[in-house]
Amino acid sequence: MNPHQSSYEPFRHTQDRYDADRHMDASTDDETLLKQEDYARQHHILNQPRSQSGRLHNDRAPHARFQTIRTVFRVLSLVLAITILGIQAYSVYIWLKTRNQSTRHQRTGFQTRIWAVIDPWPTWVMLGAAVAAVVVHFIAFGSLCGCCQSARRGVSHVWGVYLSSSLLLAAWIAALVYFKVVDSMGDKKKNWDLWSWSCHKRSTSDKHGEVAWNALCIENNYTFYATIIIVLLEGLGLVLFMASQHGANMNMPTMKVPKFSGYRRM
């Protein structure tokens, strides 16, 4: 027996054991909380495809439908733009080829030009809009290739579609309004363009065989109505793209990690 041991000896190191036990329990609680959070996160990731597969599929379904409809609209718009490009290019070709030709007037017998003083700018503007549309649509269809799929998922693609669609829609509207305004001026005998003059010559008794006035008038009428359809298609396509992007942002799944509260002895 230790001679220096007293009756209080068993309680001498009680405080030391208590401090060591408190430190051990606190670190154990931290490790337990971390393990629980890691387990919950892994469990959530593993179970997410099974628990949310139906919801994610339903979220992607409207976006896929919008994309299909937009693709159909783009195809129709591209076909109409190509026809407008061909018709207006042919009209310019006929005008440049025959603008200096003249014919004998049936009543007076004088030689008169078969073309009046023509303002070609409505045709040039319509040609420019058609060329821009064809280029934009071919680029859009080219981006559907597998090598461009990664670029389509970026933010730059979204802003690129917004910008190109908005500018293209504005170009078609401007070309349509200008095309019709100048034609109306021709009807009032203030100014003539290829459309108004060809339709005017069709309604007269001039049957000069060098220019098919009736065909030119019908082709320019087609250009006007086809442009209206293109404006509607481009506008609806832009609205569908905005709706699909809004739906995709609203339906993005989020992962919530549960919080655990542990008990620590201080």
Protein backbone atom coordinates (compact mmCIF):
# COMPACT_ATOMS: atom_id res chain seq x y z
CA MET A 1 0.00 0.00 0.00
CA ASN A 2 1.29 3.43 -0.87
CA PRO A 3 2.13 5.27 2.29
CA HIS A 4 1.24 8.56 0.70
CA GLN A 5 -2.18 7.39 -0.38
CA SER A 6 -5.03 8.96 1.45
CA SER A 7 -8.69 8.33 1.61
CA TYR A 8 -9.17 10.87 -1.23
CA GLU A 9 -6.82 9.05 -3.62
CA PRO A 10 -9.55 7.35 -5.77
CA PHE A 11 -10.97 10.74 -6.72
CA ARG A 12 -7.67 12.43 -7.59
CA HIS A 13 -7.76 11.77 -11.40
CA THR A 14 -11.50 11.95 -11.87
CA GLN A 15 -11.31 15.32 -13.62
CA ASP A 16 -8.63 14.07 -16.05
CA ARG A 17 -10.70 11.11 -17.07
CA TYR A 18 -13.72 13.34 -17.53
CA ASP A 19 -11.81 15.72 -19.84
CA ALA A 20 -10.44 12.87 -21.95
CA ASP A 21 -13.87 11.29 -22.23
CA ARG A 22 -15.42 14.61 -23.24
CA HIS A 23 -12.82 15.15 -25.97
CA MET A 24 -13.29 11.64 -27.29
CA ASP A 25 -17.06 11.93 -27.40
CA ALA A 26 -16.99 15.29 -29.19
CA SER A 27 -14.74 14.03 -31.98
CA THR A 28 -16.82 10.90 -32.23
CA ASP A 29 -19.96 13.02 -32.70
CA ASP A 30 -18.30 15.01 -35.51
CA GLU A 31 -17.24 11.88 -37.33
CA THR A 32 -20.68 10.38 -36.89
CA LEU A 33 -22.37 13.48 -38.36
CA LEU A 34 -20.03 13.52 -41.36
CA LYS A 35 -20.61 9.85 -42.01
CA GLN A 36 -24.37 10.32 -41.78
CA GLU A 37 -24.31 13.23 -44.23
CA ASP A 38 -22.12 11.32 -46.68
CA TYR A 39 -24.38 8.31 -46.45
CA ALA A 40 -27.50 10.43 -46.99
CA ARG A 41 -25.94 12.13 -50.02
CA GLN A 42 -24.87 8.84 -51.58
CA HIS A 43 -28.22 7.28 -50.83
CA HIS A 44 -29.99 10.23 -52.48
CA ILE A 45 -27.83 10.03 -55.60
CA LEU A 46 -28.30 6.27 -55.92
CA ASN A 47 -32.05 6.44 -55.48
CA GLN A 48 -32.64 9.55 -57.60
CA PRO A 49 -32.93 7.77 -61.01
CA ARG A 50 -35.45 5.34 -59.58
CA SER A 51 -37.50 7.83 -57.61
CA GLN A 52 -37.43 10.76 -60.06
CA SER A 53 -37.15 9.03 -63.42
CA GLY A 54 -40.83 9.45 -64.14
CA ARG A 55 -40.85 13.11 -63.16
CA LEU A 56 -37.70 13.92 -65.12
CA HIS A 57 -39.12 12.16 -68.16
CA ASN A 58 -42.28 14.21 -67.90
CA ASP A 59 -40.21 17.39 -67.55
CA ARG A 60 -38.23 16.63 -70.70
CA ALA A 61 -41.30 15.64 -72.70
CA PRO A 62 -42.65 19.21 -73.25
CA HIS A 63 -39.16 20.40 -74.21
CA ALA A 64 -38.85 17.57 -76.76
CA ARG A 65 -42.28 18.37 -78.19
CA PHE A 66 -41.42 22.06 -78.48
CA GLN A 67 -38.16 21.17 -80.20
CA THR A 68 -39.96 18.95 -82.71
CA ILE A 69 -42.53 21.64 -83.52
CA ARG A 70 -39.79 24.27 -83.88
CA THR A 71 -37.90 21.98 -86.25
CA VAL A 72 -41.02 21.58 -88.42
CA PHE A 73 -41.50 25.35 -88.43
CA ARG A 74 -37.87 25.84 -89.44
CA VAL A 75 -38.21 23.39 -92.32
CA LEU A 76 -41.33 25.15 -93.62
CA SER A 77 -39.73 28.56 -93.21
CA LEU A 78 -36.60 27.38 -95.01
CA VAL A 79 -38.60 26.00 -97.95
CA LEU A 80 -40.58 29.23 -98.28
CA ALA A 81 -37.42 31.33 -98.01
CA ILE A 82 -35.76 29.33 -100.79
CA THR A 83 -38.78 29.79 -103.07
CA ILE A 84 -38.84 33.54 -102.34
CA LEU A 85 -35.12 33.74 -103.06
CA GLY A 86 -35.58 32.00 -106.40
CA ILE A 87 -38.62 34.05 -107.43
CA GLN A 88 -37.12 37.42 -106.56
CA ALA A 89 -33.80 36.54 -108.18
CA TYR A 90 -35.67 35.60 -111.35
CA SER A 91 -37.66 38.85 -111.24
CA VAL A 92 -34.46 40.89 -110.96
CA TYR A 93 -32.92 38.92 -113.81
CA ILE A 94 -35.91 39.61 -116.09
CA TRP A 95 -35.89 43.30 -115.20
CA LEU A 96 -32.15 43.72 -115.78
CA LYS A 97 -32.41 41.87 -119.07
CA THR A 98 -35.38 43.77 -120.53
CA ARG A 99 -35.37 47.18 -118.82
CA ASN A 100 -33.98 48.95 -121.90
CA GLN A 101 -36.31 47.29 -124.37
CA SER A 102 -39.09 49.25 -126.05
CA THR A 103 -42.25 48.44 -127.95
CA ARG A 104 -44.52 50.27 -130.35
CA HIS A 105 -47.62 51.75 -128.77
CA GLN A 106 -50.75 50.41 -130.45
CA ARG A 107 -52.61 53.76 -130.49
CA THR A 108 -49.90 56.35 -131.05
CA GLY A 109 -47.37 54.22 -132.90
CA PHE A 110 -44.48 55.65 -130.87
CA GLN A 111 -41.77 53.51 -129.35
CA THR A 112 -42.12 53.32 -125.59
CA ARG A 113 -40.12 51.44 -123.00
CA ILE A 114 -41.76 48.35 -121.62
CA TRP A 115 -40.59 49.23 -118.10
CA ALA A 116 -41.35 52.39 -116.20
CA VAL A 117 -38.82 53.95 -113.83
CA ILE A 118 -38.56 51.11 -111.34
CA ASP A 119 -37.56 51.26 -107.68
CA PRO A 120 -35.75 47.93 -107.18
CA TRP A 121 -35.09 48.33 -103.46
CA PRO A 122 -38.14 46.35 -102.26
CA THR A 123 -36.90 43.39 -104.28
CA TRP A 124 -33.33 43.79 -103.01
CA VAL A 125 -34.53 43.96 -99.40
CA MET A 126 -36.67 40.86 -99.87
CA LEU A 127 -33.71 39.07 -101.44
CA GLY A 128 -31.50 40.03 -98.51
CA ALA A 129 -34.01 38.73 -95.97
CA ALA A 130 -34.34 35.46 -97.88
CA VAL A 131 -30.57 34.97 -98.09
CA ALA A 132 -30.16 35.69 -94.37
CA ALA A 133 -32.95 33.24 -93.53
CA VAL A 134 -31.44 30.46 -95.63
CA VAL A 135 -28.02 30.94 -94.00
CA VAL A 136 -29.44 31.02 -90.46
CA HIS A 137 -31.58 27.94 -91.00
CA PHE A 138 -28.74 25.94 -92.51
CA ILE A 139 -26.54 26.84 -89.52
CA ALA A 140 -29.36 25.82 -87.16
CA PHE A 141 -29.80 22.46 -88.86
CA GLY A 142 -26.04 21.95 -88.90
CA SER A 143 -25.93 22.44 -85.13
CA LEU A 144 -28.17 19.36 -84.75
CA CYS A 145 -25.23 17.13 -85.68
CA GLY A 146 -23.72 14.94 -83.00
CA CYS A 147 -20.45 16.89 -82.98
CA CYS A 148 -22.32 20.05 -81.91
CA GLN A 149 -24.41 18.57 -79.10
CA SER A 150 -22.07 19.84 -76.38
CA ALA A 151 -22.25 23.38 -77.75
CA ARG A 152 -26.07 23.27 -77.76
CA ARG A 153 -26.12 22.75 -73.99
CA GLY A 154 -24.28 25.96 -73.23
CA VAL A 155 -25.66 29.37 -72.38
CA SER A 156 -24.11 30.81 -75.54
CA HIS A 157 -26.39 28.59 -77.64
CA VAL A 158 -29.49 29.90 -75.87
CA TRP A 159 -28.50 33.52 -76.39
CA GLY A 160 -27.48 32.76 -79.97
CA VAL A 161 -30.93 31.37 -80.73
CA TYR A 162 -32.62 34.36 -79.09
CA LEU A 163 -30.49 36.83 -81.04
CA SER A 164 -30.65 35.12 -84.44
CA SER A 165 -34.39 34.43 -84.22
CA SER A 166 -35.20 37.98 -83.11
CA LEU A 167 -33.05 39.58 -85.81
CA LEU A 168 -34.41 37.27 -88.49
CA LEU A 169 -38.00 37.97 -87.45
CA ALA A 170 -37.32 41.73 -87.51
CA ALA A 171 -35.73 41.44 -90.97
CA TRP A 172 -38.73 39.59 -92.39
CA ILE A 173 -41.19 42.10 -90.89
CA ALA A 174 -39.21 45.04 -92.29
CA ALA A 175 -38.99 43.43 -95.74
CA LEU A 176 -42.71 42.61 -95.73
CA VAL A 177 -43.78 46.13 -94.74
CA TYR A 178 -41.45 47.79 -97.23
CA PHE A 179 -42.51 45.42 -100.01
CA LYS A 180 -46.19 46.22 -99.47
CA VAL A 181 -45.79 49.97 -98.92
CA VAL A 182 -43.93 50.52 -102.19
CA ASP A 183 -46.46 48.35 -104.03
CA SER A 184 -49.28 50.52 -102.67
CA MET A 185 -47.46 53.60 -103.94
CA GLY A 186 -47.35 52.00 -107.37
CA ASP A 187 -51.09 51.43 -107.28
CA LYS A 188 -51.50 55.18 -106.66
CA LYS A 189 -49.19 56.00 -109.60
CA LYS A 190 -46.62 57.60 -107.27
CA ASN A 191 -43.88 55.02 -107.62
CA TRP A 192 -43.39 51.70 -109.32
CA ASP A 193 -41.58 48.57 -108.26
CA LEU A 194 -41.31 45.19 -109.95
CA TRP A 195 -44.44 43.90 -108.25
CA SER A 196 -46.74 46.84 -108.93
CA TRP A 197 -45.52 47.37 -112.51
CA SER A 198 -45.86 43.72 -113.50
CA CYS A 199 -49.43 43.61 -112.16
CA HIS A 200 -50.20 46.94 -113.87
CA LYS A 201 -48.95 45.67 -117.22
CA ARG A 202 -50.98 42.53 -116.80
CA SER A 203 -54.17 44.59 -116.56
CA THR A 204 -53.38 46.66 -119.66
CA SER A 205 -53.70 45.76 -123.32
CA ASP A 206 -49.92 45.49 -123.75
CA LYS A 207 -49.23 41.94 -124.87
CA HIS A 208 -45.51 42.27 -125.44
CA GLY A 209 -44.05 38.79 -125.60
CA GLU A 210 -40.62 39.48 -124.10
CA VAL A 211 -41.92 39.59 -120.53
CA ALA A 212 -44.56 37.32 -119.00
CA TRP A 213 -46.27 40.03 -116.97
CA ASN A 214 -48.96 37.73 -115.62
CA ALA A 215 -46.40 35.25 -114.32
CA LEU A 216 -44.33 38.01 -112.71
CA CYS A 217 -47.42 39.41 -111.00
CA ILE A 218 -48.44 36.01 -109.64
CA GLU A 219 -44.91 35.29 -108.42
CA ASN A 220 -44.70 38.59 -106.55
CA ASN A 221 -48.14 38.01 -105.05
CA TYR A 222 -46.85 34.66 -103.84
CA THR A 223 -43.81 36.37 -102.34
CA PHE A 224 -46.02 38.67 -100.27
CA TYR A 225 -48.23 35.93 -98.84
CA ALA A 226 -45.33 33.54 -98.31
CA THR A 227 -43.55 36.24 -96.31
CA ILE A 228 -46.60 36.61 -94.08
CA ILE A 229 -46.51 32.87 -93.38
CA ILE A 230 -42.79 33.04 -92.64
CA VAL A 231 -43.32 35.86 -90.14
CA LEU A 232 -45.95 33.78 -88.35
CA LEU A 233 -43.70 30.69 -88.32
CA GLU A 234 -40.69 32.62 -87.05
CA GLY A 235 -42.74 34.32 -84.35
CA LEU A 236 -44.30 31.07 -83.16
CA GLY A 237 -40.91 29.37 -83.20
CA LEU A 238 -39.41 32.08 -81.01
CA VAL A 239 -42.33 31.86 -78.57
CA LEU A 240 -41.97 28.07 -78.36
CA PHE A 241 -38.24 28.39 -77.70
CA MET A 242 -38.87 30.88 -74.89
CA ALA A 243 -41.53 28.59 -73.41
CA SER A 244 -39.24 25.56 -73.56
CA GLN A 245 -36.40 27.43 -71.86
CA HIS A 246 -38.73 28.72 -69.16
CA GLY A 247 -40.08 25.22 -68.57
CA ALA A 248 -36.58 23.75 -68.43
CA ASN A 249 -35.51 26.29 -65.81
CA MET A 250 -38.63 25.71 -63.72
CA ASN A 251 -38.34 21.91 -63.79
CA MET A 252 -34.64 21.49 -63.05
CA PRO A 253 -34.30 18.91 -60.23
CA THR A 254 -32.57 19.97 -57.05
CA MET A 255 -30.87 17.76 -54.46
CA LYS A 256 -31.56 18.47 -50.83
CA VAL A 257 -29.18 17.04 -48.24
CA PRO A 258 -30.89 16.44 -44.91
CA LYS A 259 -29.41 18.15 -41.90
CA PHE A 260 -28.57 16.19 -38.78
CA SER A 261 -28.28 17.55 -35.31
CA GLY A 262 -25.97 15.70 -32.95
CA TYR A 263 -25.72 15.76 -29.18
CA ARG A 264 -22.45 16.82 -27.72
CA ARG A 265 -21.45 16.80 -24.16
CA MET A 266 -19.65 19.98 -23.22
